Amino acid sequence: MTNATGKSNKQPHQTHHDHFMKDFDHDDYKGHGKPAEPAVCRECGAVFHKGRWQWATRPEGAHEVLCPACHRIHDKHPGGYLTLSGAFLASHHDEILHLARHTEAREKTEHPLERIMSLEKQDDSLRITTTTMRMARAIGDALHHAYQGDLDYQYTDENNILRVSWKR
């Protein structure tokens, strides 16, 4: 379809995931302003440089602050919840934990704010809390890719939280 100028009115393709991630992009733990540079997290040592958190050598004269991930961990306020359940979990518990930790390590290498906060056994399930929605989704996607099963995402309005469930 074209408009009066002969140009297309067609919008770029937007996936269901993109729509939700844009709608839920606001995060109180990202702060209301960027820290003065140079800055370093007093807990994990991540450096805020050129407008983003990264792993780097501590700059001389850096201000000590708390990065958003350490702030969430300190407040015990996850950005994502991942609940794993099913008979497959019981028989492959160690493999599944290894995959979750490997996914965290891979993500955290480039994105210091992507972390697992806790792993909690709950009856016949395992609950993983993460610092961001993105981390919960990455682990859920990795589990689904490796082991199939049923994967469900629930985006909530309550403080920008993603709840992921995986069962097999």
N, C-alpha and C. Protein backbone atom coordinates (compact mmCIF):
# COMPACT_ATOMS: atom_id res chain seq x y z
N MET A 1 0.84 -1.17 0.00
CA MET A 1 0.00 0.00 0.00
C MET A 1 0.89 1.24 0.00
N THR A 2 0.55 2.25 -0.78
CA THR A 2 1.35 3.46 -0.85
C THR A 2 0.52 4.67 -0.46
N ASN A 3 1.19 5.73 -0.03
CA ASN A 3 0.49 6.96 0.30
C ASN A 3 0.50 7.89 -0.90
N ALA A 4 0.05 9.14 -0.71
CA ALA A 4 -0.07 10.08 -1.82
C ALA A 4 1.27 10.41 -2.46
N THR A 5 2.36 10.28 -1.73
CA THR A 5 3.68 10.58 -2.28
C THR A 5 4.28 9.40 -3.01
N GLY A 6 3.57 8.29 -3.03
CA GLY A 6 4.08 7.09 -3.70
C GLY A 6 4.95 6.23 -2.81
N LYS A 7 5.12 6.63 -1.56
CA LYS A 7 5.94 5.86 -0.63
C LYS A 7 5.08 4.85 0.10
N SER A 8 5.69 3.76 0.50
CA SER A 8 4.97 2.69 1.18
C SER A 8 4.56 3.11 2.58
N ASN A 9 3.34 2.73 2.97
CA ASN A 9 2.85 2.93 4.34
C ASN A 9 3.20 1.76 5.23
N LYS A 10 3.77 0.73 4.65
CA LYS A 10 4.04 -0.50 5.39
C LYS A 10 5.07 -0.26 6.48
N GLN A 11 4.74 -0.67 7.68
CA GLN A 11 5.66 -0.56 8.80
C GLN A 11 6.60 -1.76 8.82
N PRO A 12 7.82 -1.60 9.36
CA PRO A 12 8.71 -2.75 9.47
C PRO A 12 8.06 -3.83 10.32
N HIS A 13 8.37 -5.07 10.02
CA HIS A 13 7.81 -6.21 10.76
C HIS A 13 8.22 -6.11 12.22
N GLN A 14 7.26 -6.27 13.10
CA GLN A 14 7.52 -6.25 14.54
C GLN A 14 7.02 -7.55 15.12
N THR A 15 7.88 -8.27 15.82
CA THR A 15 7.48 -9.54 16.40
C THR A 15 6.69 -9.31 17.68
N HIS A 16 5.98 -10.35 18.10
CA HIS A 16 5.22 -10.32 19.35
C HIS A 16 6.16 -9.98 20.50
N HIS A 17 7.34 -10.58 20.50
CA HIS A 17 8.34 -10.34 21.55
C HIS A 17 8.76 -8.87 21.57
N ASP A 18 9.02 -8.28 20.39
CA ASP A 18 9.44 -6.89 20.31
C ASP A 18 8.37 -5.97 20.90
N HIS A 19 7.12 -6.25 20.59
CA HIS A 19 6.01 -5.43 21.08
C HIS A 19 6.00 -5.41 22.61
N PHE A 20 6.09 -6.58 23.22
CA PHE A 20 6.06 -6.63 24.68
C PHE A 20 7.30 -6.02 25.30
N MET A 21 8.46 -6.27 24.73
CA MET A 21 9.68 -5.73 25.32
C MET A 21 9.67 -4.20 25.25
N LYS A 22 9.10 -3.61 24.20
CA LYS A 22 9.01 -2.16 24.12
C LYS A 22 8.00 -1.64 25.14
N ASP A 23 6.86 -2.33 25.28
CA ASP A 23 5.84 -1.92 26.24
C ASP A 23 6.36 -1.97 27.67
N PHE A 24 7.22 -2.90 27.94
CA PHE A 24 7.70 -3.12 29.30
C PHE A 24 9.14 -2.69 29.46
N ASP A 25 9.58 -1.71 28.68
CA ASP A 25 10.96 -1.29 28.71
C ASP A 25 11.30 -0.43 29.91
N HIS A 26 10.30 0.19 30.54
CA HIS A 26 10.57 1.03 31.70
C HIS A 26 10.98 0.16 32.88
N ASP A 27 12.06 0.53 33.54
CA ASP A 27 12.57 -0.25 34.67
C ASP A 27 13.09 0.71 35.72
N ASP A 28 12.44 0.74 36.88
CA ASP A 28 12.87 1.63 37.96
C ASP A 28 14.30 1.37 38.40
N TYR A 29 14.81 0.18 38.19
CA TYR A 29 16.17 -0.14 38.62
C TYR A 29 17.23 0.32 37.62
N LYS A 30 16.80 0.83 36.49
CA LYS A 30 17.76 1.42 35.56
C LYS A 30 18.10 2.84 36.01
N GLY A 31 17.37 3.33 36.98
CA GLY A 31 17.65 4.65 37.53
C GLY A 31 16.94 5.75 36.78
N HIS A 32 16.91 6.90 37.38
CA HIS A 32 16.25 8.05 36.78
C HIS A 32 17.25 8.93 36.06
N GLY A 33 18.47 8.55 36.07
CA GLY A 33 19.53 9.28 35.38
C GLY A 33 20.76 8.41 35.38
N LYS A 34 21.66 8.74 34.51
CA LYS A 34 22.88 7.96 34.43
C LYS A 34 23.86 8.46 35.48
N PRO A 35 24.66 7.55 36.03
CA PRO A 35 25.65 8.00 37.00
C PRO A 35 26.71 8.86 36.31
N ALA A 36 27.32 9.74 37.08
CA ALA A 36 28.41 10.54 36.55
C ALA A 36 29.56 9.61 36.18
N GLU A 37 30.15 9.86 35.04
CA GLU A 37 31.27 9.02 34.62
C GLU A 37 32.58 9.66 35.06
N PRO A 38 33.56 8.85 35.38
CA PRO A 38 33.52 7.40 35.45
C PRO A 38 32.88 6.92 36.75
N ALA A 39 32.23 5.77 36.67
CA ALA A 39 31.60 5.18 37.85
C ALA A 39 31.88 3.68 37.87
N VAL A 40 31.94 3.14 39.07
CA VAL A 40 32.16 1.71 39.24
C VAL A 40 31.22 1.19 40.32
N CYS A 41 30.69 -0.01 40.12
CA CYS A 41 29.82 -0.60 41.13
C CYS A 41 30.67 -1.08 42.30
N ARG A 42 30.29 -0.65 43.47
CA ARG A 42 31.05 -1.02 44.67
C ARG A 42 30.89 -2.49 45.04
N GLU A 43 29.87 -3.16 44.48
CA GLU A 43 29.64 -4.58 44.80
C GLU A 43 30.33 -5.52 43.80
N CYS A 44 30.07 -5.32 42.51
CA CYS A 44 30.53 -6.28 41.51
C CYS A 44 31.72 -5.79 40.69
N GLY A 45 31.99 -4.49 40.73
CA GLY A 45 33.12 -3.95 39.99
C GLY A 45 32.82 -3.58 38.54
N ALA A 46 31.56 -3.70 38.11
CA ALA A 46 31.20 -3.28 36.74
C ALA A 46 31.44 -1.78 36.62
N VAL A 47 31.82 -1.36 35.42
CA VAL A 47 32.16 0.04 35.18
C VAL A 47 31.11 0.67 34.27
N PHE A 48 30.66 1.86 34.64
CA PHE A 48 29.75 2.61 33.79
C PHE A 48 30.61 3.54 32.95
N HIS A 49 30.63 3.27 31.64
CA HIS A 49 31.49 4.02 30.72
C HIS A 49 30.79 4.16 29.38
N LYS A 50 30.85 5.35 28.82
CA LYS A 50 30.20 5.65 27.53
C LYS A 50 28.73 5.27 27.53
N GLY A 51 28.06 5.56 28.66
CA GLY A 51 26.62 5.39 28.74
C GLY A 51 26.10 4.00 29.00
N ARG A 52 27.00 3.04 29.31
CA ARG A 52 26.51 1.69 29.60
C ARG A 52 27.42 0.99 30.61
N TRP A 53 26.84 -0.03 31.25
CA TRP A 53 27.59 -0.84 32.20
C TRP A 53 28.37 -1.90 31.43
N GLN A 54 29.64 -2.08 31.80
CA GLN A 54 30.49 -3.05 31.12
C GLN A 54 31.58 -3.53 32.06
N TRP A 55 32.19 -4.63 31.67
CA TRP A 55 33.33 -5.13 32.42
C TRP A 55 34.56 -4.43 31.86
N ALA A 56 35.25 -3.70 32.70
CA ALA A 56 36.44 -2.96 32.26
C ALA A 56 37.31 -2.70 33.49
N THR A 57 38.50 -2.27 33.22
CA THR A 57 39.41 -1.89 34.30
C THR A 57 38.84 -0.66 35.00
N ARG A 58 38.93 -0.67 36.30
CA ARG A 58 38.41 0.45 37.10
C ARG A 58 39.15 1.73 36.72
N PRO A 59 38.40 2.73 36.25
CA PRO A 59 39.05 4.00 35.89
C PRO A 59 39.53 4.74 37.14
N GLU A 60 40.61 5.46 36.99
CA GLU A 60 41.11 6.25 38.10
C GLU A 60 40.10 7.34 38.44
N GLY A 61 39.84 7.53 39.72
CA GLY A 61 38.93 8.57 40.16
C GLY A 61 37.45 8.23 39.97
N ALA A 62 37.15 6.96 39.76
CA ALA A 62 35.76 6.56 39.53
C ALA A 62 34.92 6.75 40.79
N HIS A 63 33.68 7.19 40.58
CA HIS A 63 32.72 7.30 41.68
C HIS A 63 32.18 5.92 41.97
N GLU A 64 32.03 5.58 43.24
CA GLU A 64 31.44 4.29 43.60
C GLU A 64 29.93 4.44 43.71
N VAL A 65 29.24 3.56 43.01
CA VAL A 65 27.78 3.54 43.00
C VAL A 65 27.34 2.07 43.05
N LEU A 66 26.06 1.86 43.09
CA LEU A 66 25.52 0.50 43.03
C LEU A 66 24.87 0.33 41.66
N CYS A 67 25.33 -0.65 40.88
CA CYS A 67 24.75 -0.86 39.55
C CYS A 67 23.32 -1.39 39.71
N PRO A 68 22.49 -1.29 38.67
CA PRO A 68 21.11 -1.74 38.77
C PRO A 68 20.97 -3.21 39.17
N ALA A 69 21.87 -4.08 38.70
CA ALA A 69 21.77 -5.51 39.05
C ALA A 69 22.05 -5.71 40.54
N CYS A 70 23.10 -5.11 41.04
CA CYS A 70 23.41 -5.26 42.47
C CYS A 70 22.33 -4.61 43.33
N HIS A 71 21.75 -3.53 42.83
CA HIS A 71 20.65 -2.88 43.54
C HIS A 71 19.47 -3.85 43.67
N ARG A 72 19.11 -4.53 42.57
CA ARG A 72 18.01 -5.51 42.60
C ARG A 72 18.35 -6.66 43.57
N ILE A 73 19.58 -7.15 43.50
CA ILE A 73 20.00 -8.25 44.36
C ILE A 73 19.91 -7.82 45.83
N HIS A 74 20.40 -6.64 46.12
CA HIS A 74 20.36 -6.11 47.49
C HIS A 74 18.93 -5.98 47.99
N ASP A 75 18.04 -5.49 47.13
CA ASP A 75 16.63 -5.30 47.51
C ASP A 75 15.80 -6.58 47.42
N LYS A 76 16.39 -7.64 46.89
CA LYS A 76 15.68 -8.90 46.65
C LYS A 76 14.43 -8.64 45.80
N HIS A 77 14.64 -7.94 44.69
CA HIS A 77 13.55 -7.55 43.79
C HIS A 77 13.90 -7.98 42.36
N PRO A 78 13.57 -9.23 42.01
CA PRO A 78 13.92 -9.75 40.67
C PRO A 78 13.20 -9.04 39.53
N GLY A 79 13.83 -9.08 38.38
CA GLY A 79 13.20 -8.59 37.16
C GLY A 79 12.54 -9.73 36.41
N GLY A 80 12.93 -10.96 36.75
CA GLY A 80 12.35 -12.12 36.09
C GLY A 80 12.28 -13.32 37.02
N TYR A 81 11.25 -14.12 36.82
CA TYR A 81 11.06 -15.36 37.56
C TYR A 81 10.93 -16.47 36.53
N LEU A 82 11.65 -17.54 36.72
CA LEU A 82 11.58 -18.69 35.84
C LEU A 82 11.27 -19.90 36.71
N THR A 83 10.12 -20.54 36.45
CA THR A 83 9.72 -21.72 37.21
C THR A 83 9.84 -22.93 36.30
N LEU A 84 10.64 -23.90 36.72
CA LEU A 84 10.87 -25.14 35.98
C LEU A 84 10.20 -26.27 36.72
N SER A 85 9.53 -27.15 35.95
CA SER A 85 8.85 -28.27 36.60
C SER A 85 8.73 -29.43 35.64
N GLY A 86 8.25 -30.54 36.18
CA GLY A 86 8.03 -31.74 35.39
C GLY A 86 9.00 -32.86 35.74
N ALA A 87 8.65 -34.05 35.30
CA ALA A 87 9.47 -35.23 35.58
C ALA A 87 10.88 -35.11 34.98
N PHE A 88 10.98 -34.44 33.83
CA PHE A 88 12.27 -34.27 33.18
C PHE A 88 13.23 -33.48 34.06
N LEU A 89 12.71 -32.48 34.75
CA LEU A 89 13.53 -31.68 35.67
C LEU A 89 14.15 -32.56 36.74
N ALA A 90 13.35 -33.44 37.32
CA ALA A 90 13.84 -34.31 38.40
C ALA A 90 14.96 -35.22 37.91
N SER A 91 14.83 -35.75 36.71
CA SER A 91 15.83 -36.70 36.21
C SER A 91 17.03 -36.03 35.52
N HIS A 92 16.93 -34.73 35.25
CA HIS A 92 18.02 -34.02 34.57
C HIS A 92 18.39 -32.72 35.29
N HIS A 93 18.19 -32.70 36.59
CA HIS A 93 18.38 -31.51 37.41
C HIS A 93 19.75 -30.86 37.20
N ASP A 94 20.82 -31.64 37.30
CA ASP A 94 22.17 -31.08 37.18
C ASP A 94 22.44 -30.52 35.79
N GLU A 95 22.00 -31.23 34.75
CA GLU A 95 22.16 -30.75 33.37
C GLU A 95 21.45 -29.41 33.18
N ILE A 96 20.24 -29.33 33.70
CA ILE A 96 19.43 -28.12 33.54
C ILE A 96 20.07 -26.94 34.28
N LEU A 97 20.57 -27.18 35.49
CA LEU A 97 21.26 -26.12 36.23
C LEU A 97 22.52 -25.68 35.49
N HIS A 98 23.23 -26.64 34.92
CA HIS A 98 24.44 -26.31 34.15
C HIS A 98 24.07 -25.41 32.96
N LEU A 99 23.00 -25.74 32.26
CA LEU A 99 22.57 -24.94 31.11
C LEU A 99 22.17 -23.53 31.56
N ALA A 100 21.46 -23.42 32.67
CA ALA A 100 21.06 -22.11 33.18
C ALA A 100 22.30 -21.27 33.54
N ARG A 101 23.25 -21.87 34.23
CA ARG A 101 24.47 -21.15 34.62
C ARG A 101 25.33 -20.79 33.40
N HIS A 102 25.37 -21.70 32.42
CA HIS A 102 26.12 -21.42 31.19
C HIS A 102 25.48 -20.25 30.43
N THR A 103 24.16 -20.22 30.38
CA THR A 103 23.45 -19.12 29.73
C THR A 103 23.73 -17.81 30.44
N GLU A 104 23.71 -17.84 31.77
CA GLU A 104 24.03 -16.64 32.54
C GLU A 104 25.44 -16.17 32.24
N ALA A 105 26.41 -17.07 32.25
CA ALA A 105 27.81 -16.70 32.00
C ALA A 105 27.98 -16.08 30.62
N ARG A 106 27.32 -16.67 29.63
CA ARG A 106 27.41 -16.16 28.26
C ARG A 106 26.82 -14.74 28.19
N GLU A 107 25.64 -14.55 28.76
CA GLU A 107 24.98 -13.24 28.73
C GLU A 107 25.76 -12.20 29.53
N LYS A 108 26.23 -12.60 30.69
CA LYS A 108 26.90 -11.68 31.60
C LYS A 108 28.25 -11.19 31.05
N THR A 109 28.85 -11.96 30.17
CA THR A 109 30.13 -11.56 29.58
C THR A 109 30.01 -10.20 28.89
N GLU A 110 28.95 -10.02 28.13
CA GLU A 110 28.73 -8.77 27.40
C GLU A 110 27.80 -7.79 28.11
N HIS A 111 26.97 -8.31 29.01
CA HIS A 111 25.95 -7.50 29.67
C HIS A 111 26.01 -7.74 31.18
N PRO A 112 26.80 -6.96 31.91
CA PRO A 112 27.00 -7.19 33.35
C PRO A 112 25.73 -7.17 34.19
N LEU A 113 24.66 -6.59 33.69
CA LEU A 113 23.43 -6.51 34.48
C LEU A 113 22.57 -7.76 34.36
N GLU A 114 22.96 -8.69 33.50
CA GLU A 114 22.21 -9.94 33.29
C GLU A 114 22.73 -11.01 34.25
N ARG A 115 21.96 -11.32 35.29
CA ARG A 115 22.43 -12.27 36.31
C ARG A 115 21.31 -13.13 36.87
N ILE A 116 21.71 -14.31 37.35
CA ILE A 116 20.81 -15.13 38.17
C ILE A 116 20.96 -14.62 39.60
N MET A 117 19.83 -14.39 40.24
CA MET A 117 19.85 -13.94 41.64
C MET A 117 19.80 -15.12 42.60
N SER A 118 18.88 -16.06 42.32
CA SER A 118 18.75 -17.20 43.22
C SER A 118 18.18 -18.41 42.50
N LEU A 119 18.44 -19.57 43.08
CA LEU A 119 17.89 -20.85 42.66
C LEU A 119 17.23 -21.45 43.89
N GLU A 120 15.92 -21.67 43.82
CA GLU A 120 15.19 -22.16 44.98
C GLU A 120 14.40 -23.41 44.62
N LYS A 121 14.66 -24.50 45.33
CA LYS A 121 13.89 -25.72 45.16
C LYS A 121 12.56 -25.53 45.86
N GLN A 122 11.45 -25.82 45.15
CA GLN A 122 10.11 -25.68 45.72
C GLN A 122 9.33 -26.94 45.39
N ASP A 123 9.17 -27.83 46.34
CA ASP A 123 8.47 -29.10 46.13
C ASP A 123 9.04 -29.80 44.89
N ASP A 124 8.26 -29.90 43.82
CA ASP A 124 8.70 -30.59 42.60
C ASP A 124 9.14 -29.63 41.51
N SER A 125 9.44 -28.40 41.89
CA SER A 125 9.85 -27.42 40.89
C SER A 125 11.11 -26.69 41.34
N LEU A 126 11.65 -25.92 40.42
CA LEU A 126 12.83 -25.10 40.70
C LEU A 126 12.47 -23.69 40.26
N ARG A 127 12.73 -22.72 41.11
CA ARG A 127 12.46 -21.32 40.79
C ARG A 127 13.78 -20.58 40.68
N ILE A 128 13.99 -19.97 39.53
CA ILE A 128 15.18 -19.18 39.28
C ILE A 128 14.74 -17.72 39.19
N THR A 129 15.36 -16.86 39.99
CA THR A 129 15.07 -15.43 39.87
C THR A 129 16.26 -14.78 39.18
N THR A 130 15.95 -13.76 38.38
CA THR A 130 16.98 -13.08 37.60
C THR A 130 16.87 -11.57 37.79
N THR A 131 17.95 -10.88 37.46
CA THR A 131 17.97 -9.43 37.61
C THR A 131 17.18 -8.71 36.53
N THR A 132 16.98 -9.38 35.39
CA THR A 132 16.26 -8.73 34.28
C THR A 132 15.28 -9.70 33.64
N MET A 133 14.32 -9.13 32.93
CA MET A 133 13.40 -9.94 32.13
C MET A 133 14.19 -10.66 31.05
N ARG A 134 15.15 -9.98 30.47
CA ARG A 134 15.94 -10.54 29.38
C ARG A 134 16.65 -11.83 29.80
N MET A 135 17.18 -11.85 31.02
CA MET A 135 17.90 -13.03 31.50
C MET A 135 16.93 -14.19 31.70
N ALA A 136 15.76 -13.94 32.27
CA ALA A 136 14.76 -15.01 32.46
C ALA A 136 14.36 -15.58 31.11
N ARG A 137 14.15 -14.71 30.15
CA ARG A 137 13.77 -15.15 28.81
C ARG A 137 14.90 -15.95 28.14
N ALA A 138 16.13 -15.50 28.29
CA ALA A 138 17.26 -16.20 27.69
C ALA A 138 17.40 -17.62 28.23
N ILE A 139 17.23 -17.79 29.53
CA ILE A 139 17.33 -19.14 30.12
C ILE A 139 16.15 -19.99 29.65
N GLY A 140 14.95 -19.43 29.66
CA GLY A 140 13.78 -20.16 29.17
C GLY A 140 13.96 -20.59 27.72
N ASP A 141 14.43 -19.68 26.88
CA ASP A 141 14.66 -20.01 25.48
C ASP A 141 15.72 -21.10 25.32
N ALA A 142 16.79 -21.02 26.12
CA ALA A 142 17.85 -22.03 26.04
C ALA A 142 17.33 -23.41 26.45
N LEU A 143 16.51 -23.47 27.50
CA LEU A 143 15.92 -24.74 27.93
C LEU A 143 15.00 -25.31 26.86
N HIS A 144 14.18 -24.46 26.30
CA HIS A 144 13.26 -24.90 25.26
C HIS A 144 14.01 -25.39 24.03
N HIS A 145 15.06 -24.68 23.64
CA HIS A 145 15.86 -25.08 22.49
C HIS A 145 16.55 -26.43 22.74
N ALA A 146 17.07 -26.62 23.93
CA ALA A 146 17.82 -27.84 24.23
C ALA A 146 16.92 -29.04 24.52
N TYR A 147 15.79 -28.81 25.19
CA TYR A 147 14.98 -29.93 25.68
C TYR A 147 13.52 -29.90 25.26
N GLN A 148 13.12 -28.92 24.44
CA GLN A 148 11.73 -28.74 24.05
C GLN A 148 10.86 -28.50 25.30
N GLY A 149 9.71 -29.12 25.38
CA GLY A 149 8.82 -28.91 26.52
C GLY A 149 7.89 -27.73 26.27
N ASP A 150 7.16 -27.34 27.31
CA ASP A 150 6.20 -26.24 27.23
C ASP A 150 6.81 -25.00 27.87
N LEU A 151 6.85 -23.93 27.12
CA LEU A 151 7.43 -22.67 27.57
C LEU A 151 6.36 -21.59 27.49
N ASP A 152 6.20 -20.84 28.58
CA ASP A 152 5.18 -19.80 28.62
C ASP A 152 5.77 -18.53 29.22
N TYR A 153 5.42 -17.38 28.64
CA TYR A 153 5.86 -16.08 29.14
C TYR A 153 4.65 -15.29 29.61
N GLN A 154 4.77 -14.68 30.76
CA GLN A 154 3.72 -13.79 31.26
C GLN A 154 4.37 -12.48 31.66
N TYR A 155 4.08 -11.45 30.88
CA TYR A 155 4.58 -10.11 31.18
C TYR A 155 3.56 -9.47 32.11
N THR A 156 4.03 -8.86 33.18
CA THR A 156 3.13 -8.26 34.15
C THR A 156 3.34 -6.76 34.23
N ASP A 157 2.34 -6.08 34.70
CA ASP A 157 2.44 -4.64 34.92
C ASP A 157 3.10 -4.32 36.25
N GLU A 158 3.25 -5.32 37.09
CA GLU A 158 3.78 -5.09 38.43
C GLU A 158 5.30 -4.91 38.39
N ASN A 159 5.73 -3.67 38.35
CA ASN A 159 7.14 -3.34 38.41
C ASN A 159 7.99 -3.97 37.32
N ASN A 160 7.45 -4.13 36.12
CA ASN A 160 8.25 -4.58 34.99
C ASN A 160 8.86 -5.96 35.22
N ILE A 161 8.03 -6.96 35.41
CA ILE A 161 8.48 -8.31 35.71
C ILE A 161 8.02 -9.28 34.64
N LEU A 162 8.88 -10.23 34.30
CA LEU A 162 8.52 -11.30 33.39
C LEU A 162 8.50 -12.60 34.19
N ARG A 163 7.42 -13.35 34.02
CA ARG A 163 7.31 -14.68 34.64
C ARG A 163 7.34 -15.70 33.52
N VAL A 164 8.32 -16.59 33.59
CA VAL A 164 8.50 -17.63 32.58
C VAL A 164 8.27 -18.97 33.26
N SER A 165 7.55 -19.85 32.59
CA SER A 165 7.42 -21.22 33.11
C SER A 165 7.81 -22.18 32.01
N TRP A 166 8.54 -23.21 32.41
CA TRP A 166 8.97 -24.27 31.50
C TRP A 166 8.68 -25.61 32.17
N LYS A 167 8.08 -26.50 31.40
CA LYS A 167 7.72 -27.81 31.95
C LYS A 167 7.93 -28.87 30.89
N ARG A 168 8.46 -30.00 31.34
CA ARG A 168 8.58 -31.17 30.48
C ARG A 168 8.54 -32.40 31.35
